[in-house]
Amino acid sequence: MTKIAITGYASLDHVIQMEAPPRPNETVIAARTTTHLLRLGGSPSYVAMAVVRAGIADAVPITWIAADEGGDRFIAALHEAKVPVDGIARSLPGHTPICILAYDPAGACYCIYDPAASRTATLTPVQADIVAQADWVCITVGPASATRDALSRMQPGQKLVWAVKADGDAFPSELRVALAARADLIVHSKGERPFVADALDAAPARADRIVIETRGAEGAHVAHGDRSELVPAKNLAASDPTGAGDTFIGGLLAKLIARPGDAVAAVRAGQEAAHAMLFERIEHEKKRKQL
């Protein structure tokens, strides 16, 4: 059975829709998108849920939460999604990390993240063991100290996925270079290209490495060895696209494990996973408004 370890920040998300872009010292009218104030979030959660939905049960998020009510909610949501919780360290003092995601009418997102005490987290012995036993290790945005720890523990036979986020605190320049050199699969957005360009240019040439650049409505560009292809997008307008990018990565990874080397098929599977997640969210919101 394929084992996947997914490292990164935890989050409980509070998503709101604003009637206008925010301006300093002015009030903006907003509405919550769900009846729940906070819902399960964080890149490791979304990636793991997509992988599990695709049929790979052993996709383990590695992250850090507190032993508070928010932490209870985080664990319960993962259980409900049938995602393993072995890699969740309830070691943080204080509260579990939260994120406020505010969308304006044009679709721009204003993301405010409170990592609580997880910003300097490192792997616990249990988490280190999960990384050591994984066939694939997926690095998402998280504490740089834990990312360095996970990277240092990887053996030659293990595969590495780097889910890029343009966050210089999580991915300082020297860590970006190390990740680009080691990664078998790199996924970044068009907007994140400047953030990773130098690291990609410095990475040794490898025919087996897959680099995917997502381009919104245009689709996703795939570079794999000598092959270069733009895969058209499977678009779905959603006022709350939170987690779609990480769900794309999870669906993509699951397909790549099932069909190694077929990066285009993997991208299409990732697009299908993101589309399905957003469609389910939209339908749930419609039902909520009808109540």
C-alpha atoms as a PDB file:
ATOM      1  CA  MET A   1       0.000   0.000   0.000  1.00  0.00           C
ATOM      2  CA  THR A   2       1.314   3.436  -0.964  1.00  0.00           C
ATOM      3  CA  LYS A   3       1.976   5.708   2.016  1.00  0.00           C
ATOM      4  CA  ILE A   4       1.912   9.486   1.691  1.00  0.00           C
ATOM      5  CA  ALA A   5       3.045  11.991   4.324  1.00  0.00           C
ATOM      6  CA  ILE A   6       1.835  15.566   3.868  1.00  0.00           C
ATOM      7  CA  THR A   7       3.496  18.279   5.951  1.00  0.00           C
ATOM      8  CA  GLY A   8       2.301  21.834   6.534  1.00  0.00           C
ATOM      9  CA  TYR A   9       0.303  24.223   8.658  1.00  0.00           C
ATOM     10  CA  ALA A  10      -3.042  23.298  10.183  1.00  0.00           C
ATOM     11  CA  SER A  11      -5.941  25.708  10.020  1.00  0.00           C
ATOM     12  CA  LEU A  12      -9.533  26.198  10.988  1.00  0.00           C
ATOM     13  CA  ASP A  13     -10.967  28.497   8.326  1.00  0.00           C
ATOM     14  CA  HIS A  14     -13.434  31.344   8.659  1.00  0.00           C
ATOM     15  CA  VAL A  15     -14.598  32.242   5.146  1.00  0.00           C
ATOM     16  CA  ILE A  16     -16.584  35.407   4.417  1.00  0.00           C
ATOM     17  CA  GLN A  17     -17.916  37.158   1.330  1.00  0.00           C
ATOM     18  CA  MET A  18     -17.467  40.946   1.305  1.00  0.00           C
ATOM     19  CA  GLU A  19     -19.715  43.372  -0.546  1.00  0.00           C
ATOM     20  CA  ALA A  20     -16.697  45.500  -1.507  1.00  0.00           C
ATOM     21  CA  PRO A  21     -12.904  45.401  -1.213  1.00  0.00           C
ATOM     22  CA  PRO A  22     -11.743  46.515   2.247  1.00  0.00           C
ATOM     23  CA  ARG A  23     -10.322  49.995   2.753  1.00  0.00           C
ATOM     24  CA  PRO A  24      -8.441  51.328   5.798  1.00  0.00           C
ATOM     25  CA  ASN A  25     -10.633  52.619   8.603  1.00  0.00           C
ATOM     26  CA  GLU A  26     -13.873  51.777   6.788  1.00  0.00           C
ATOM     27  CA  THR A  27     -16.498  49.158   7.527  1.00  0.00           C
ATOM     28  CA  VAL A  28     -17.252  46.487   4.917  1.00  0.00           C
ATOM     29  CA  ILE A  29     -20.466  44.494   5.021  1.00  0.00           C
ATOM     30  CA  ALA A  30     -19.790  40.755   4.839  1.00  0.00           C
ATOM     31  CA  ALA A  31     -21.603  37.451   5.133  1.00  0.00           C
ATOM     32  CA  ARG A  32     -20.420  34.052   6.288  1.00  0.00           C
ATOM     33  CA  THR A  33     -20.419  31.324   3.655  1.00  0.00           C
ATOM     34  CA  THR A  34     -21.427  28.528   6.037  1.00  0.00           C
ATOM     35  CA  THR A  35     -23.452  28.097   9.198  1.00  0.00           C
ATOM     36  CA  HIS A  36     -20.263  27.024  10.990  1.00  0.00           C
ATOM     37  CA  LEU A  37     -17.940  29.761  12.160  1.00  0.00           C
ATOM     38  CA  LEU A  38     -14.830  27.638  11.554  1.00  0.00           C
ATOM     39  CA  ARG A  39     -14.317  24.669   9.236  1.00  0.00           C
ATOM     40  CA  LEU A  40     -11.464  22.286   8.544  1.00  0.00           C
ATOM     41  CA  GLY A  41      -8.695  23.928   6.530  1.00  0.00           C
ATOM     42  CA  GLY A  42      -4.970  23.894   5.896  1.00  0.00           C
ATOM     43  CA  SER A  43      -3.107  22.490   2.908  1.00  0.00           C
ATOM     44  CA  PRO A  44      -2.301  19.071   4.462  1.00  0.00           C
ATOM     45  CA  SER A  45      -5.995  18.493   5.188  1.00  0.00           C
ATOM     46  CA  TYR A  46      -7.186  19.338   1.678  1.00  0.00           C
ATOM     47  CA  VAL A  47      -4.422  17.347  -0.033  1.00  0.00           C
ATOM     48  CA  ALA A  48      -5.052  14.314   2.194  1.00  0.00           C
ATOM     49  CA  MET A  49      -8.821  14.425   1.712  1.00  0.00           C
ATOM     50  CA  ALA A  50      -8.430  14.448  -2.074  1.00  0.00           C
ATOM     51  CA  VAL A  51      -5.978  11.547  -1.989  1.00  0.00           C
ATOM     52  CA  VAL A  52      -8.265   9.515   0.286  1.00  0.00           C
ATOM     53  CA  ARG A  53     -11.272  10.213  -1.957  1.00  0.00           C
ATOM     54  CA  ALA A  54      -9.226   8.909  -4.881  1.00  0.00           C
ATOM     55  CA  GLY A  55      -8.795   5.562  -3.120  1.00  0.00           C
ATOM     56  CA  ILE A  56      -5.446   5.832  -1.313  1.00  0.00           C
ATOM     57  CA  ALA A  57      -6.292   5.459   2.372  1.00  0.00           C
ATOM     58  CA  ASP A  58      -2.831   5.977   3.838  1.00  0.00           C
ATOM     59  CA  ALA A  59      -2.472   9.723   3.250  1.00  0.00           C
ATOM     60  CA  VAL A  60      -1.316  11.197   6.554  1.00  0.00           C
ATOM     61  CA  PRO A  61      -1.329  14.935   7.320  1.00  0.00           C
ATOM     62  CA  ILE A  62       1.609  16.026   9.471  1.00  0.00           C
ATOM     63  CA  THR A  63       0.752  19.197  11.334  1.00  0.00           C
ATOM     64  CA  TRP A  64       0.407  20.858  14.757  1.00  0.00           C
ATOM     65  CA  ILE A  65      -2.669  21.900  16.728  1.00  0.00           C
ATOM     66  CA  ALA A  66      -3.518  22.688  20.336  1.00  0.00           C
ATOM     67  CA  ALA A  67      -5.407  20.624  22.888  1.00  0.00           C
ATOM     68  CA  ASP A  68      -8.317  23.062  22.750  1.00  0.00           C
ATOM     69  CA  GLU A  69     -11.876  23.062  21.377  1.00  0.00           C
ATOM     70  CA  GLY A  70     -10.552  24.057  17.951  1.00  0.00           C
ATOM     71  CA  GLY A  71      -8.193  21.095  18.011  1.00  0.00           C
ATOM     72  CA  ASP A  72     -11.094  18.791  18.867  1.00  0.00           C
ATOM     73  CA  ARG A  73     -13.017  20.157  15.885  1.00  0.00           C
ATOM     74  CA  PHE A  74      -9.990  19.715  13.604  1.00  0.00           C
ATOM     75  CA  ILE A  75      -9.547  16.050  14.615  1.00  0.00           C
ATOM     76  CA  ALA A  76     -13.278  15.313  14.342  1.00  0.00           C
ATOM     77  CA  ALA A  77     -13.420  16.735  10.815  1.00  0.00           C
ATOM     78  CA  LEU A  78     -10.495  14.582   9.695  1.00  0.00           C
ATOM     79  CA  HIS A  79     -12.152  11.512  11.212  1.00  0.00           C
ATOM     80  CA  GLU A  80     -15.352  12.347   9.327  1.00  0.00           C
ATOM     81  CA  ALA A  81     -13.353  12.558   6.087  1.00  0.00           C
ATOM     82  CA  LYS A  82     -11.692   9.191   6.880  1.00  0.00           C
ATOM     83  CA  VAL A  83      -8.259  10.838   6.928  1.00  0.00           C
ATOM     84  CA  PRO A  84      -5.656   9.340   9.306  1.00  0.00           C
ATOM     85  CA  VAL A  85      -4.801  11.511  12.313  1.00  0.00           C
ATOM     86  CA  ASP A  86      -1.603   9.742  13.413  1.00  0.00           C
ATOM     87  CA  GLY A  87       0.522  12.668  12.213  1.00  0.00           C
ATOM     88  CA  ILE A  88      -1.406  15.360  14.095  1.00  0.00           C
ATOM     89  CA  ALA A  89       0.610  16.635  17.060  1.00  0.00           C
ATOM     90  CA  ARG A  90      -1.571  18.246  19.723  1.00  0.00           C
ATOM     91  CA  SER A  91       1.495  19.951  21.108  1.00  0.00           C
ATOM     92  CA  LEU A  92       0.824  23.670  20.672  1.00  0.00           C
ATOM     93  CA  PRO A  93       0.351  25.867  23.713  1.00  0.00           C
ATOM     94  CA  GLY A  94      -2.611  28.191  23.480  1.00  0.00           C
ATOM     95  CA  HIS A  95      -4.963  27.810  20.531  1.00  0.00           C
ATOM     96  CA  THR A  96      -5.172  25.933  17.236  1.00  0.00           C
ATOM     97  CA  PRO A  97      -4.208  27.993  14.149  1.00  0.00           C
ATOM     98  CA  ILE A  98      -7.010  29.823  12.370  1.00  0.00           C
ATOM     99  CA  CYS A  99      -7.337  31.576   9.024  1.00  0.00           C
ATOM    100  CA  ILE A 100      -9.710  34.322   7.891  1.00  0.00           C
ATOM    101  CA  LEU A 101     -10.335  34.217   4.144  1.00  0.00           C
ATOM    102  CA  ALA A 102     -12.259  37.226   2.896  1.00  0.00           C
ATOM    103  CA  TYR A 103     -13.370  37.291  -0.752  1.00  0.00           C
ATOM    104  CA  ASP A 104     -14.363  40.512  -2.496  1.00  0.00           C
ATOM    105  CA  PRO A 105     -16.919  40.668  -5.354  1.00  0.00           C
ATOM    106  CA  ALA A 106     -14.173  40.346  -7.990  1.00  0.00           C
ATOM    107  CA  GLY A 107     -12.960  37.103  -6.425  1.00  0.00           C
ATOM    108  CA  ALA A 108      -9.781  38.470  -4.841  1.00  0.00           C
ATOM    109  CA  CYS A 109      -8.956  36.793  -1.547  1.00  0.00           C
ATOM    110  CA  TYR A 110      -7.613  38.569   1.526  1.00  0.00           C
ATOM    111  CA  CYS A 111      -5.970  35.859   3.629  1.00  0.00           C
ATOM    112  CA  ILE A 112      -5.146  36.510   7.289  1.00  0.00           C
ATOM    113  CA  TYR A 113      -3.458  33.561   8.983  1.00  0.00           C
ATOM    114  CA  ASP A 114      -2.673  33.077  12.647  1.00  0.00           C
ATOM    115  CA  PRO A 115      -0.248  30.129  12.926  1.00  0.00           C
ATOM    116  CA  ALA A 116      -0.418  30.332  16.724  1.00  0.00           C
ATOM    117  CA  ALA A 117       2.686  28.625  18.124  1.00  0.00           C
ATOM    118  CA  SER A 118       3.250  26.374  15.086  1.00  0.00           C
ATOM    119  CA  ARG A 119       5.544  28.774  13.219  1.00  0.00           C
ATOM    120  CA  THR A 120       8.670  27.203  14.763  1.00  0.00           C
ATOM    121  CA  ALA A 121       7.389  23.631  15.020  1.00  0.00           C
ATOM    122  CA  THR A 122       9.612  20.653  14.238  1.00  0.00           C
ATOM    123  CA  LEU A 123       8.768  17.019  13.656  1.00  0.00           C
ATOM    124  CA  THR A 124       7.861  14.940  16.683  1.00  0.00           C
ATOM    125  CA  PRO A 125       9.325  11.405  16.850  1.00  0.00           C
ATOM    126  CA  VAL A 126       6.006   9.990  15.618  1.00  0.00           C
ATOM    127  CA  GLN A 127       5.897  12.444  12.717  1.00  0.00           C
ATOM    128  CA  ALA A 128       9.531  11.758  11.835  1.00  0.00           C
ATOM    129  CA  ASP A 129       8.737   8.043  11.690  1.00  0.00           C
ATOM    130  CA  ILE A 130       5.772   8.670   9.361  1.00  0.00           C
ATOM    131  CA  VAL A 131       8.032  10.643   7.020  1.00  0.00           C
ATOM    132  CA  ALA A 132      10.687   7.909   7.111  1.00  0.00           C
ATOM    133  CA  GLN A 133       8.160   5.214   6.166  1.00  0.00           C
ATOM    134  CA  ALA A 134       6.353   7.162   3.433  1.00  0.00           C
ATOM    135  CA  ASP A 135       6.668   6.328  -0.250  1.00  0.00           C
ATOM    136  CA  TRP A 136       5.803   9.943  -1.078  1.00  0.00           C
ATOM    137  CA  VAL A 137       6.392  13.064   0.993  1.00  0.00           C
ATOM    138  CA  CYS A 138       4.357  16.138   0.074  1.00  0.00           C
ATOM    139  CA  ILE A 139       5.684  19.454   1.402  1.00  0.00           C
ATOM    140  CA  THR A 140       3.067  22.216   1.621  1.00  0.00           C
ATOM    141  CA  VAL A 141       3.318  25.647   3.231  1.00  0.00           C
ATOM    142  CA  GLY A 142       4.391  25.193   6.834  1.00  0.00           C
ATOM    143  CA  PRO A 143       7.102  25.921   9.373  1.00  0.00           C
ATOM    144  CA  ALA A 144      10.488  26.058   7.647  1.00  0.00           C
ATOM    145  CA  SER A 145      12.085  24.198  10.557  1.00  0.00           C
ATOM    146  CA  ALA A 146       9.787  21.201  10.052  1.00  0.00           C
ATOM    147  CA  THR A 147      10.261  21.271   6.270  1.00  0.00           C
ATOM    148  CA  ARG A 148      14.042  21.197   6.693  1.00  0.00           C
ATOM    149  CA  ASP A 149      13.664  18.330   9.162  1.00  0.00           C
ATOM    150  CA  ALA A 150      11.484  16.308   6.789  1.00  0.00           C
ATOM    151  CA  LEU A 151      13.789  16.970   3.834  1.00  0.00           C
ATOM    152  CA  SER A 152      16.850  15.881   5.786  1.00  0.00           C
ATOM    153  CA  ARG A 153      15.226  12.555   6.673  1.00  0.00           C
ATOM    154  CA  MET A 154      14.284  11.538   3.142  1.00  0.00           C
ATOM    155  CA  GLN A 155      16.021   8.587   1.542  1.00  0.00           C
ATOM    156  CA  PRO A 156      16.872   8.199  -2.184  1.00  0.00           C
ATOM    157  CA  GLY A 157      13.944   5.863  -2.888  1.00  0.00           C
ATOM    158  CA  GLN A 158      11.310   8.240  -1.585  1.00  0.00           C
ATOM    159  CA  LYS A 159       9.439  10.634  -3.864  1.00  0.00           C
ATOM    160  CA  LEU A 160       9.039  14.320  -3.016  1.00  0.00           C
ATOM    161  CA  VAL A 161       6.231  16.689  -3.970  1.00  0.00           C
ATOM    162  CA  TRP A 162       6.686  20.418  -3.404  1.00  0.00           C
ATOM    163  CA  ALA A 163       3.406  22.335  -3.332  1.00  0.00           C
ATOM    164  CA  VAL A 164       4.715  25.858  -3.728  1.00  0.00           C
ATOM    165  CA  LYS A 165       3.362  28.864  -1.853  1.00  0.00           C
ATOM    166  CA  ALA A 166       4.931  32.295  -2.268  1.00  0.00           C
ATOM    167  CA  ASP A 167       5.687  32.585   1.432  1.00  0.00           C
ATOM    168  CA  GLY A 168       9.250  33.619   2.183  1.00  0.00           C
ATOM    169  CA  ASP A 169       8.904  32.718   5.854  1.00  0.00           C
ATOM    170  CA  ALA A 170       7.877  29.140   5.074  1.00  0.00           C
ATOM    171  CA  PHE A 171      10.195  28.835   2.073  1.00  0.00           C
ATOM    172  CA  PRO A 172      13.301  31.017   2.414  1.00  0.00           C
ATOM    173  CA  SER A 173      15.600  31.121  -0.604  1.00  0.00           C
ATOM    174  CA  GLU A 174      18.037  28.402   0.449  1.00  0.00           C
ATOM    175  CA  LEU A 175      15.151  26.033   1.262  1.00  0.00           C
ATOM    176  CA  ARG A 176      13.549  26.722  -2.122  1.00  0.00           C
ATOM    177  CA  VAL A 177      16.803  25.712  -3.816  1.00  0.00           C
ATOM    178  CA  ALA A 178      17.009  22.492  -1.782  1.00  0.00           C
ATOM    179  CA  LEU A 179      13.385  21.576  -2.491  1.00  0.00           C
ATOM    180  CA  ALA A 180      13.667  22.267  -6.219  1.00  0.00           C
ATOM    181  CA  ALA A 181      16.799  20.117  -6.436  1.00  0.00           C
ATOM    182  CA  ARG A 182      15.182  17.162  -4.629  1.00  0.00           C
ATOM    183  CA  ALA A 183      11.549  17.297  -5.771  1.00  0.00           C
ATOM    184  CA  ASP A 184      10.096  14.798  -8.227  1.00  0.00           C
ATOM    185  CA  LEU A 185       6.941  16.870  -8.649  1.00  0.00           C
ATOM    186  CA  ILE A 186       6.660  20.651  -8.284  1.00  0.00           C
ATOM    187  CA  VAL A 187       3.342  22.474  -8.497  1.00  0.00           C
ATOM    188  CA  HIS A 188       3.146  26.268  -8.547  1.00  0.00           C
ATOM    189  CA  SER A 189       0.810  28.906  -9.921  1.00  0.00           C
ATOM    190  CA  LYS A 190       1.616  31.373 -12.675  1.00  0.00           C
ATOM    191  CA  GLY A 191       1.721  34.124 -10.075  1.00  0.00           C
ATOM    192  CA  GLU A 192       4.240  32.140  -8.027  1.00  0.00           C
ATOM    193  CA  ARG A 193       6.622  31.697 -10.941  1.00  0.00           C
ATOM    194  CA  PRO A 194       8.936  34.569  -9.886  1.00  0.00           C
ATOM    195  CA  PHE A 195       9.107  33.063  -6.399  1.00  0.00           C
ATOM    196  CA  VAL A 196      10.447  29.724  -7.688  1.00  0.00           C
ATOM    197  CA  ALA A 197      12.249  30.775 -10.890  1.00  0.00           C
ATOM    198  CA  ASP A 198      15.756  31.060  -9.426  1.00  0.00           C
ATOM    199  CA  ALA A 199      15.437  27.787  -7.530  1.00  0.00           C
ATOM    200  CA  LEU A 200      14.215  25.960 -10.638  1.00  0.00           C
ATOM    201  CA  ASP A 201      17.016  27.434 -12.737  1.00  0.00           C
ATOM    202  CA  ALA A 202      19.572  26.285 -10.145  1.00  0.00           C
ATOM    203  CA  ALA A 203      18.165  22.750  -9.906  1.00  0.00           C
ATOM    204  CA  PRO A 204      20.055  19.993 -11.741  1.00  0.00           C
ATOM    205  CA  ALA A 205      18.384  18.918 -14.976  1.00  0.00           C
ATOM    206  CA  ARG A 206      16.311  15.759 -14.488  1.00  0.00           C
ATOM    207  CA  ALA A 207      14.291  14.026 -17.163  1.00  0.00           C
ATOM    208  CA  ASP A 208      11.970  12.462 -14.594  1.00  0.00           C
ATOM    209  CA  ARG A 209      10.977  15.661 -12.775  1.00  0.00           C
ATOM    210  CA  ILE A 210       7.474  17.033 -13.405  1.00  0.00           C
ATOM    211  CA  VAL A 211       6.822  20.757 -13.076  1.00  0.00           C
ATOM    212  CA  ILE A 212       3.229  21.943 -13.250  1.00  0.00           C
ATOM    213  CA  GLU A 213       2.217  25.585 -13.473  1.00  0.00           C
ATOM    214  CA  THR A 214      -1.455  26.307 -12.863  1.00  0.00           C
ATOM    215  CA  ARG A 215      -2.839  29.188 -14.908  1.00  0.00           C
ATOM    216  CA  GLY A 216      -6.376  29.687 -13.662  1.00  0.00           C
ATOM    217  CA  ALA A 217      -8.947  29.712 -16.442  1.00  0.00           C
ATOM    218  CA  GLU A 218      -6.268  28.835 -19.010  1.00  0.00           C
ATOM    219  CA  GLY A 219      -5.575  25.466 -17.416  1.00  0.00           C
ATOM    220  CA  ALA A 220      -2.263  24.003 -16.313  1.00  0.00           C
ATOM    221  CA  HIS A 221       1.075  23.816 -18.096  1.00  0.00           C
ATOM    222  CA  VAL A 222       2.928  20.521 -17.732  1.00  0.00           C
ATOM    223  CA  ALA A 223       6.687  20.167 -18.239  1.00  0.00           C
ATOM    224  CA  HIS A 224       7.971  16.594 -18.045  1.00  0.00           C
ATOM    225  CA  GLY A 225      11.273  15.779 -19.660  1.00  0.00           C
ATOM    226  CA  ASP A 226      11.027  16.862 -23.299  1.00  0.00           C
ATOM    227  CA  ARG A 227       7.231  17.052 -23.129  1.00  0.00           C
ATOM    228  CA  SER A 228       5.484  20.370 -22.640  1.00  0.00           C
ATOM    229  CA  GLU A 229       1.715  20.706 -22.804  1.00  0.00           C
ATOM    230  CA  LEU A 230      -1.070  23.040 -21.705  1.00  0.00           C
ATOM    231  CA  VAL A 231      -3.997  21.091 -20.279  1.00  0.00           C
ATOM    232  CA  PRO A 232      -7.251  23.113 -20.622  1.00  0.00           C
ATOM    233  CA  ALA A 233      -9.034  23.975 -17.396  1.00  0.00           C
ATOM    234  CA  LYS A 234     -12.230  22.402 -16.147  1.00  0.00           C
ATOM    235  CA  ASN A 235     -13.736  25.621 -14.856  1.00  0.00           C
ATOM    236  CA  LEU A 236     -16.488  26.083 -12.307  1.00  0.00           C
ATOM    237  CA  ALA A 237     -17.361  29.537 -11.003  1.00  0.00           C
ATOM    238  CA  ALA A 238     -17.281  29.476  -7.219  1.00  0.00           C
ATOM    239  CA  SER A 239     -17.494  32.358  -4.788  1.00  0.00           C
ATOM    240  CA  ASP A 240     -15.562  30.273  -2.223  1.00  0.00           C
ATOM    241  CA  PRO A 241     -12.704  28.408  -3.968  1.00  0.00           C
ATOM    242  CA  THR A 242     -10.799  27.846  -0.714  1.00  0.00           C
ATOM    243  CA  GLY A 243      -8.833  24.595  -0.884  1.00  0.00           C
ATOM    244  CA  ALA A 244      -9.296  24.034  -4.622  1.00  0.00           C
ATOM    245  CA  GLY A 245      -5.567  24.304  -5.336  1.00  0.00           C
ATOM    246  CA  ASP A 246      -4.635  21.799  -2.650  1.00  0.00           C
ATOM    247  CA  THR A 247      -7.444  19.478  -3.730  1.00  0.00           C
ATOM    248  CA  PHE A 248      -6.037  19.683  -7.267  1.00  0.00           C
ATOM    249  CA  ILE A 249      -2.642  18.572  -5.941  1.00  0.00           C
ATOM    250  CA  GLY A 250      -4.175  15.675  -4.010  1.00  0.00           C
ATOM    251  CA  GLY A 251      -6.126  14.393  -7.003  1.00  0.00           C
ATOM    252  CA  LEU A 252      -3.102  14.853  -9.239  1.00  0.00           C
ATOM    253  CA  LEU A 253      -0.823  12.946  -6.859  1.00  0.00           C
ATOM    254  CA  ALA A 254      -3.228  10.043  -6.477  1.00  0.00           C
ATOM    255  CA  LYS A 255      -3.463   9.645 -10.258  1.00  0.00           C
ATOM    256  CA  LEU A 256       0.287   9.929 -10.705  1.00  0.00           C
ATOM    257  CA  ILE A 257       0.768   7.107  -8.208  1.00  0.00           C
ATOM    258  CA  ALA A 258      -1.774   4.983 -10.088  1.00  0.00           C
ATOM    259  CA  ARG A 259      -0.303   5.845 -13.508  1.00  0.00           C
ATOM    260  CA  PRO A 260       3.356   6.818 -13.028  1.00  0.00           C
ATOM    261  CA  GLY A 261       4.793   9.032 -15.716  1.00  0.00           C
ATOM    262  CA  ASP A 262       1.486  10.214 -17.176  1.00  0.00           C
ATOM    263  CA  ALA A 263       1.579  13.805 -15.978  1.00  0.00           C
ATOM    264  CA  VAL A 264      -1.171  14.991 -18.308  1.00  0.00           C
ATOM    265  CA  ALA A 265      -3.622  12.376 -17.014  1.00  0.00           C
ATOM    266  CA  ALA A 266      -2.610  13.347 -13.490  1.00  0.00           C
ATOM    267  CA  VAL A 267      -3.394  17.013 -14.150  1.00  0.00           C
ATOM    268  CA  ARG A 268      -6.797  16.098 -15.540  1.00  0.00           C
ATOM    269  CA  ALA A 269      -7.497  14.007 -12.443  1.00  0.00           C
ATOM    270  CA  GLY A 270      -6.475  16.934 -10.254  1.00  0.00           C
ATOM    271  CA  GLN A 271      -8.838  19.220 -12.156  1.00  0.00           C
ATOM    272  CA  GLU A 272     -11.664  16.701 -11.730  1.00  0.00           C
ATOM    273  CA  ALA A 273     -10.986  16.479  -7.982  1.00  0.00           C
ATOM    274  CA  ALA A 274     -11.058  20.262  -7.550  1.00  0.00           C
ATOM    275  CA  HIS A 275     -14.182  20.553  -9.701  1.00  0.00           C
ATOM    276  CA  ALA A 276     -15.985  17.872  -7.662  1.00  0.00           C
ATOM    277  CA  MET A 277     -15.044  19.497  -4.361  1.00  0.00           C
ATOM    278  CA  LEU A 278     -16.267  22.934  -5.485  1.00  0.00           C
ATOM    279  CA  PHE A 279     -19.492  21.519  -6.968  1.00  0.00           C
ATOM    280  CA  GLU A 280     -20.255  19.752  -3.691  1.00  0.00           C
ATOM    281  CA  ARG A 281     -19.620  22.986  -1.759  1.00  0.00           C
ATOM    282  CA  ILE A 282     -21.855  25.008  -4.095  1.00  0.00           C
ATOM    283  CA  GLU A 283     -24.695  22.487  -3.795  1.00  0.00           C
ATOM    284  CA  HIS A 284     -24.343  22.434  -0.012  1.00  0.00           C
ATOM    285  CA  GLU A 285     -24.559  26.219   0.091  1.00  0.00           C
ATOM    286  CA  LYS A 286     -27.682  26.196  -2.097  1.00  0.00           C
ATOM    287  CA  LYS A 287     -29.374  23.767   0.276  1.00  0.00           C
ATOM    288  CA  ARG A 288     -28.337  25.846   3.285  1.00  0.00           C
ATOM    289  CA  LYS A 289     -29.932  28.967   1.799  1.00  0.00           C
ATOM    290  CA  GLN A 290     -33.173  27.071   1.120  1.00  0.00           C
ATOM    291  CA  LEU A 291     -33.580  26.114   4.782  1.00  0.00           C
END
